[in-house]
């Protein structure tokens, strides 16, 4: 089991990161080769672009980790955030409550019975 964890490189730096080239490690930066943004793709390039993504469990976890850290850095950890992170937190749980109650509250819609 210890060998399986070493193969996934969990808890370590990405393979592409080189401290002599990149300097200090930034958790929200992708150190692989840069690719075109999704918004600038043409329709026939979408499948090729998706095939170049790392769809392994580790790659997906790293993607979410980068996005979460960039959100925290922008809204929670900055000096001028002014509570925006707490508003995002409240809106997220309000949305979850709406999703949870939607099926139960569907029959409460006003309607004509005829």
N, C-alpha and C. Protein backbone atom coordinates (compact mmCIF):
# COMPACT_ATOMS: atom_id res chain seq x y z
N UNK A 1 0.82 -1.19 0.00
CA UNK A 1 0.00 0.00 0.00
C UNK A 1 0.86 1.25 0.00
N UNK A 2 1.95 1.26 0.70
CA UNK A 2 2.84 2.41 0.71
C UNK A 2 3.41 2.68 -0.67
N UNK A 3 3.65 1.63 -1.45
CA UNK A 3 4.17 1.79 -2.80
C UNK A 3 3.14 2.46 -3.71
N UNK A 4 1.86 2.15 -3.52
CA UNK A 4 0.81 2.76 -4.34
C UNK A 4 0.72 4.25 -4.08
N UNK A 5 0.89 4.67 -2.83
CA UNK A 5 0.85 6.10 -2.53
C UNK A 5 2.05 6.83 -3.11
N UNK A 6 3.19 6.19 -3.17
CA UNK A 6 4.37 6.82 -3.75
C UNK A 6 4.22 6.99 -5.25
N UNK A 7 3.50 6.09 -5.91
CA UNK A 7 3.31 6.20 -7.36
C UNK A 7 2.38 7.35 -7.73
N UNK A 8 1.45 7.72 -6.85
CA UNK A 8 0.51 8.79 -7.18
C UNK A 8 1.07 10.17 -6.91
N UNK A 9 2.17 10.28 -6.16
CA UNK A 9 2.80 11.55 -5.84
C UNK A 9 1.86 12.47 -5.06
N UNK A 10 1.04 11.87 -4.18
CA UNK A 10 0.15 12.68 -3.35
C UNK A 10 0.96 13.40 -2.29
N UNK A 11 0.68 14.67 -2.10
CA UNK A 11 1.35 15.45 -1.09
C UNK A 11 2.68 16.03 -1.53
N UNK A 12 3.10 15.78 -2.75
CA UNK A 12 4.36 16.30 -3.24
C UNK A 12 4.15 17.35 -4.32
N UNK A 13 5.25 17.88 -4.80
CA UNK A 13 5.17 18.85 -5.88
C UNK A 13 4.87 18.14 -7.20
N UNK A 14 4.27 18.84 -8.16
CA UNK A 14 4.04 18.24 -9.47
C UNK A 14 5.36 17.94 -10.17
N UNK A 15 5.33 16.99 -11.10
CA UNK A 15 6.55 16.61 -11.83
C UNK A 15 7.11 17.78 -12.62
N UNK A 16 6.22 18.63 -13.12
CA UNK A 16 6.64 19.73 -13.99
C UNK A 16 7.30 20.87 -13.24
N UNK A 17 7.17 20.90 -11.92
CA UNK A 17 7.70 22.02 -11.12
C UNK A 17 9.21 21.86 -10.93
N UNK A 18 9.96 22.92 -11.28
CA UNK A 18 11.40 22.97 -11.08
C UNK A 18 11.71 24.25 -10.32
N UNK A 19 12.19 24.14 -9.06
CA UNK A 19 12.40 25.36 -8.27
C UNK A 19 13.44 26.31 -8.86
N UNK A 20 14.39 25.79 -9.62
CA UNK A 20 15.40 26.69 -10.21
C UNK A 20 14.82 27.52 -11.34
N UNK A 21 13.82 26.99 -12.01
CA UNK A 21 13.19 27.72 -13.12
C UNK A 21 12.02 28.57 -12.64
N UNK A 22 11.15 27.97 -11.83
CA UNK A 22 9.89 28.62 -11.46
C UNK A 22 9.95 29.44 -10.19
N UNK A 23 10.97 29.28 -9.38
CA UNK A 23 11.06 30.03 -8.14
C UNK A 23 10.19 29.41 -7.06
N UNK A 24 9.64 30.25 -6.21
CA UNK A 24 8.81 29.76 -5.10
C UNK A 24 7.56 29.08 -5.64
N UNK A 25 7.14 28.03 -4.96
CA UNK A 25 5.97 27.26 -5.40
C UNK A 25 4.70 28.04 -5.15
N UNK A 26 3.83 28.09 -6.15
CA UNK A 26 2.52 28.72 -6.02
C UNK A 26 1.48 27.64 -6.25
N UNK A 27 0.62 27.43 -5.27
CA UNK A 27 -0.34 26.33 -5.32
C UNK A 27 -1.40 26.52 -6.39
N UNK A 28 -1.66 27.74 -6.82
CA UNK A 28 -2.72 27.96 -7.80
C UNK A 28 -2.20 28.09 -9.23
N UNK A 29 -0.96 27.75 -9.47
CA UNK A 29 -0.37 27.85 -10.81
C UNK A 29 -0.20 26.47 -11.42
N UNK A 30 -0.52 26.35 -12.71
CA UNK A 30 -0.32 25.10 -13.44
C UNK A 30 1.07 25.14 -14.04
N UNK A 31 1.91 24.15 -13.72
CA UNK A 31 3.30 24.15 -14.16
C UNK A 31 3.54 23.33 -15.43
N UNK A 32 2.49 22.76 -16.00
CA UNK A 32 2.65 22.02 -17.25
C UNK A 32 2.77 22.95 -18.44
N UNK A 33 2.80 22.38 -19.63
CA UNK A 33 2.89 23.21 -20.83
C UNK A 33 1.58 23.96 -21.03
N UNK A 34 1.65 25.25 -21.32
CA UNK A 34 0.42 26.03 -21.48
C UNK A 34 -0.37 25.59 -22.71
N UNK A 35 -1.67 25.70 -22.61
CA UNK A 35 -2.57 25.31 -23.69
C UNK A 35 -3.54 26.46 -23.94
N UNK A 36 -4.27 26.38 -25.04
CA UNK A 36 -5.25 27.42 -25.35
C UNK A 36 -6.36 27.41 -24.31
N UNK A 37 -6.87 28.59 -23.94
CA UNK A 37 -8.03 28.62 -23.04
C UNK A 37 -9.25 28.03 -23.74
N UNK A 38 -10.15 27.48 -22.95
CA UNK A 38 -11.35 26.85 -23.51
C UNK A 38 -12.20 27.86 -24.28
N UNK A 39 -12.21 29.10 -23.84
CA UNK A 39 -13.05 30.11 -24.50
C UNK A 39 -12.56 30.47 -25.90
N UNK A 40 -11.29 30.18 -26.23
CA UNK A 40 -10.78 30.54 -27.55
C UNK A 40 -10.75 29.35 -28.51
N UNK A 41 -11.37 28.23 -28.14
CA UNK A 41 -11.35 27.05 -29.00
C UNK A 41 -12.42 27.14 -30.06
N UNK A 42 -12.15 26.48 -31.19
CA UNK A 42 -13.16 26.29 -32.20
C UNK A 42 -13.85 24.97 -31.92
N UNK A 43 -14.98 24.74 -32.55
CA UNK A 43 -15.79 23.55 -32.24
C UNK A 43 -15.02 22.27 -32.56
N UNK A 44 -14.27 22.24 -33.65
CA UNK A 44 -13.57 21.01 -34.02
C UNK A 44 -12.33 20.76 -33.17
N UNK A 45 -11.91 21.71 -32.34
CA UNK A 45 -10.74 21.54 -31.48
C UNK A 45 -11.08 21.09 -30.07
N UNK A 46 -12.37 21.01 -29.73
CA UNK A 46 -12.78 20.73 -28.34
C UNK A 46 -12.35 19.33 -27.92
N UNK A 47 -12.58 18.32 -28.76
CA UNK A 47 -12.25 16.94 -28.37
C UNK A 47 -10.73 16.74 -28.25
N UNK A 48 -9.97 17.37 -29.12
CA UNK A 48 -8.51 17.29 -29.00
C UNK A 48 -8.05 17.96 -27.71
N UNK A 49 -8.66 19.10 -27.36
CA UNK A 49 -8.32 19.81 -26.14
C UNK A 49 -8.65 18.96 -24.91
N UNK A 50 -9.81 18.30 -24.93
CA UNK A 50 -10.20 17.44 -23.80
C UNK A 50 -9.28 16.24 -23.67
N UNK A 51 -8.82 15.69 -24.78
CA UNK A 51 -7.92 14.53 -24.73
C UNK A 51 -6.55 14.89 -24.15
N UNK A 52 -6.16 16.15 -24.23
CA UNK A 52 -4.88 16.57 -23.65
C UNK A 52 -4.96 16.79 -22.14
N UNK A 53 -6.14 16.81 -21.57
CA UNK A 53 -6.30 17.02 -20.12
C UNK A 53 -5.93 15.75 -19.37
N UNK A 54 -5.44 15.91 -18.15
CA UNK A 54 -5.11 14.78 -17.29
C UNK A 54 -6.39 14.37 -16.57
N UNK A 55 -7.03 13.30 -17.02
CA UNK A 55 -8.30 12.86 -16.45
C UNK A 55 -8.13 11.79 -15.39
N UNK A 56 -6.92 11.61 -14.89
CA UNK A 56 -6.73 10.65 -13.80
C UNK A 56 -7.27 11.26 -12.51
N UNK A 57 -7.42 10.44 -11.50
CA UNK A 57 -7.94 10.92 -10.23
C UNK A 57 -7.01 11.99 -9.63
N UNK A 58 -5.71 11.79 -9.76
CA UNK A 58 -4.74 12.76 -9.26
C UNK A 58 -4.83 14.08 -10.04
N UNK A 59 -4.97 13.99 -11.36
CA UNK A 59 -5.06 15.20 -12.18
C UNK A 59 -6.31 16.01 -11.86
N UNK A 60 -7.44 15.33 -11.65
CA UNK A 60 -8.68 16.03 -11.31
C UNK A 60 -8.57 16.66 -9.93
N UNK A 61 -7.96 15.93 -8.99
CA UNK A 61 -7.78 16.49 -7.64
C UNK A 61 -6.87 17.72 -7.67
N UNK A 62 -5.83 17.68 -8.49
CA UNK A 62 -4.94 18.85 -8.60
C UNK A 62 -5.65 20.04 -9.23
N UNK A 63 -6.50 19.78 -10.22
CA UNK A 63 -7.27 20.86 -10.84
C UNK A 63 -8.17 21.54 -9.81
N UNK A 64 -8.93 20.75 -9.06
CA UNK A 64 -9.81 21.32 -8.04
C UNK A 64 -9.02 22.02 -6.95
N UNK A 65 -7.88 21.48 -6.59
CA UNK A 65 -7.05 22.11 -5.58
C UNK A 65 -6.54 23.47 -6.05
N UNK A 66 -6.11 23.56 -7.32
CA UNK A 66 -5.66 24.84 -7.86
C UNK A 66 -6.79 25.86 -7.87
N UNK A 67 -7.97 25.44 -8.29
CA UNK A 67 -9.10 26.38 -8.35
C UNK A 67 -9.55 26.81 -6.97
N UNK A 68 -9.56 25.89 -6.01
CA UNK A 68 -9.94 26.24 -4.65
C UNK A 68 -8.94 27.21 -4.04
N UNK A 69 -7.65 26.96 -4.25
CA UNK A 69 -6.65 27.85 -3.67
C UNK A 69 -6.70 29.23 -4.32
N UNK A 70 -6.94 29.28 -5.63
CA UNK A 70 -7.01 30.60 -6.27
C UNK A 70 -8.23 31.37 -5.76
N UNK A 71 -9.34 30.68 -5.49
CA UNK A 71 -10.52 31.33 -4.93
C UNK A 71 -10.22 31.82 -3.52
N UNK A 72 -9.56 30.99 -2.72
CA UNK A 72 -9.22 31.41 -1.35
C UNK A 72 -8.26 32.59 -1.36
N UNK A 73 -7.30 32.55 -2.26
CA UNK A 73 -6.31 33.62 -2.32
C UNK A 73 -6.95 34.94 -2.74
N UNK A 74 -7.93 34.85 -3.63
CA UNK A 74 -8.56 36.06 -4.13
C UNK A 74 -9.59 36.64 -3.17
N UNK A 75 -10.40 35.76 -2.55
CA UNK A 75 -11.52 36.26 -1.76
C UNK A 75 -11.36 36.12 -0.25
N UNK A 76 -10.58 35.18 0.24
CA UNK A 76 -10.48 34.96 1.68
C UNK A 76 -9.17 35.48 2.26
N UNK A 77 -8.08 35.30 1.57
CA UNK A 77 -6.78 35.59 2.13
C UNK A 77 -6.26 36.99 1.83
N UNK A 78 -6.90 37.70 0.93
CA UNK A 78 -6.41 39.03 0.58
C UNK A 78 -6.83 40.05 1.63
N UNK A 79 -6.08 41.13 1.72
CA UNK A 79 -6.35 42.15 2.74
C UNK A 79 -7.62 42.94 2.43
N UNK A 80 -7.95 43.11 1.18
CA UNK A 80 -9.12 43.91 0.81
C UNK A 80 -10.35 43.09 0.49
N UNK A 81 -10.50 41.90 1.05
CA UNK A 81 -11.61 41.03 0.68
C UNK A 81 -12.94 41.53 1.23
N UNK A 82 -12.95 42.17 2.40
CA UNK A 82 -14.15 42.80 2.98
C UNK A 82 -15.32 41.83 3.14
N UNK A 83 -15.04 40.59 3.45
CA UNK A 83 -16.11 39.63 3.74
C UNK A 83 -16.77 39.00 2.55
N UNK A 84 -16.22 39.16 1.37
CA UNK A 84 -16.83 38.57 0.18
C UNK A 84 -16.82 37.05 0.27
N UNK A 85 -15.78 36.49 0.87
CA UNK A 85 -15.70 35.04 1.02
C UNK A 85 -16.83 34.50 1.86
N UNK A 86 -17.21 35.22 2.91
CA UNK A 86 -18.31 34.76 3.75
C UNK A 86 -19.64 34.84 3.00
N UNK A 87 -19.80 35.82 2.13
CA UNK A 87 -21.00 35.91 1.30
C UNK A 87 -21.04 34.72 0.34
N UNK A 88 -19.92 34.36 -0.26
CA UNK A 88 -19.88 33.20 -1.14
C UNK A 88 -20.23 31.93 -0.37
N UNK A 89 -19.72 31.81 0.84
CA UNK A 89 -20.01 30.67 1.70
C UNK A 89 -21.52 30.57 1.97
N UNK A 90 -22.14 31.70 2.33
CA UNK A 90 -23.57 31.72 2.62
C UNK A 90 -24.39 31.41 1.37
N UNK A 91 -24.00 31.96 0.22
CA UNK A 91 -24.73 31.68 -1.02
C UNK A 91 -24.62 30.22 -1.42
N UNK A 92 -23.47 29.61 -1.21
CA UNK A 92 -23.29 28.20 -1.54
C UNK A 92 -24.23 27.33 -0.72
N UNK A 93 -24.30 27.58 0.59
CA UNK A 93 -25.18 26.76 1.42
C UNK A 93 -26.65 27.09 1.22
N UNK A 94 -26.97 28.31 0.82
CA UNK A 94 -28.34 28.64 0.45
C UNK A 94 -28.75 27.87 -0.80
N UNK A 95 -27.85 27.78 -1.77
CA UNK A 95 -28.13 27.02 -2.98
C UNK A 95 -28.31 25.53 -2.67
N UNK A 96 -27.45 24.98 -1.78
CA UNK A 96 -27.62 23.58 -1.39
C UNK A 96 -28.96 23.35 -0.70
N UNK A 97 -29.40 24.29 0.13
CA UNK A 97 -30.70 24.17 0.77
C UNK A 97 -31.84 24.24 -0.22
N UNK A 98 -31.69 25.08 -1.24
CA UNK A 98 -32.71 25.16 -2.29
C UNK A 98 -32.81 23.84 -3.04
N UNK A 99 -31.67 23.26 -3.40
CA UNK A 99 -31.68 21.98 -4.12
C UNK A 99 -32.31 20.89 -3.26
N UNK A 100 -31.98 20.90 -1.98
CA UNK A 100 -32.50 19.87 -1.07
C UNK A 100 -34.02 19.99 -0.92
N UNK A 101 -34.55 21.21 -0.84
CA UNK A 101 -35.97 21.41 -0.60
C UNK A 101 -36.80 21.45 -1.87
N UNK A 102 -36.18 21.46 -3.04
CA UNK A 102 -36.92 21.65 -4.28
C UNK A 102 -37.92 20.53 -4.51
N UNK A 103 -37.50 19.28 -4.34
CA UNK A 103 -38.40 18.15 -4.59
C UNK A 103 -39.57 18.16 -3.61
N UNK A 104 -39.31 18.55 -2.38
CA UNK A 104 -40.37 18.59 -1.38
C UNK A 104 -41.35 19.72 -1.64
N UNK A 105 -40.88 20.85 -2.14
CA UNK A 105 -41.73 22.04 -2.29
C UNK A 105 -42.39 22.15 -3.66
N UNK A 106 -42.18 21.18 -4.53
CA UNK A 106 -42.78 21.28 -5.87
C UNK A 106 -44.30 21.28 -5.82
N UNK A 107 -44.89 20.51 -4.90
CA UNK A 107 -46.34 20.42 -4.85
C UNK A 107 -46.98 21.65 -4.22
N UNK A 108 -46.22 22.61 -3.74
CA UNK A 108 -46.76 23.81 -3.12
C UNK A 108 -47.02 24.92 -4.13
N UNK A 109 -46.75 24.68 -5.40
CA UNK A 109 -46.98 25.70 -6.42
C UNK A 109 -48.47 26.04 -6.50
N UNK A 110 -48.74 27.32 -6.71
CA UNK A 110 -50.13 27.73 -6.89
C UNK A 110 -50.59 27.29 -8.27
N UNK A 111 -51.75 26.75 -8.33
CA UNK A 111 -52.27 26.33 -9.62
C UNK A 111 -53.78 26.17 -9.57
N UNK A 112 -54.36 26.19 -10.73
CA UNK A 112 -55.80 26.00 -10.81
C UNK A 112 -56.10 24.52 -10.86
N UNK A 113 -57.08 24.13 -10.13
CA UNK A 113 -57.50 22.74 -10.14
C UNK A 113 -58.85 22.68 -10.82
N UNK A 114 -58.84 22.23 -12.06
CA UNK A 114 -60.09 22.10 -12.80
C UNK A 114 -59.98 21.01 -13.82
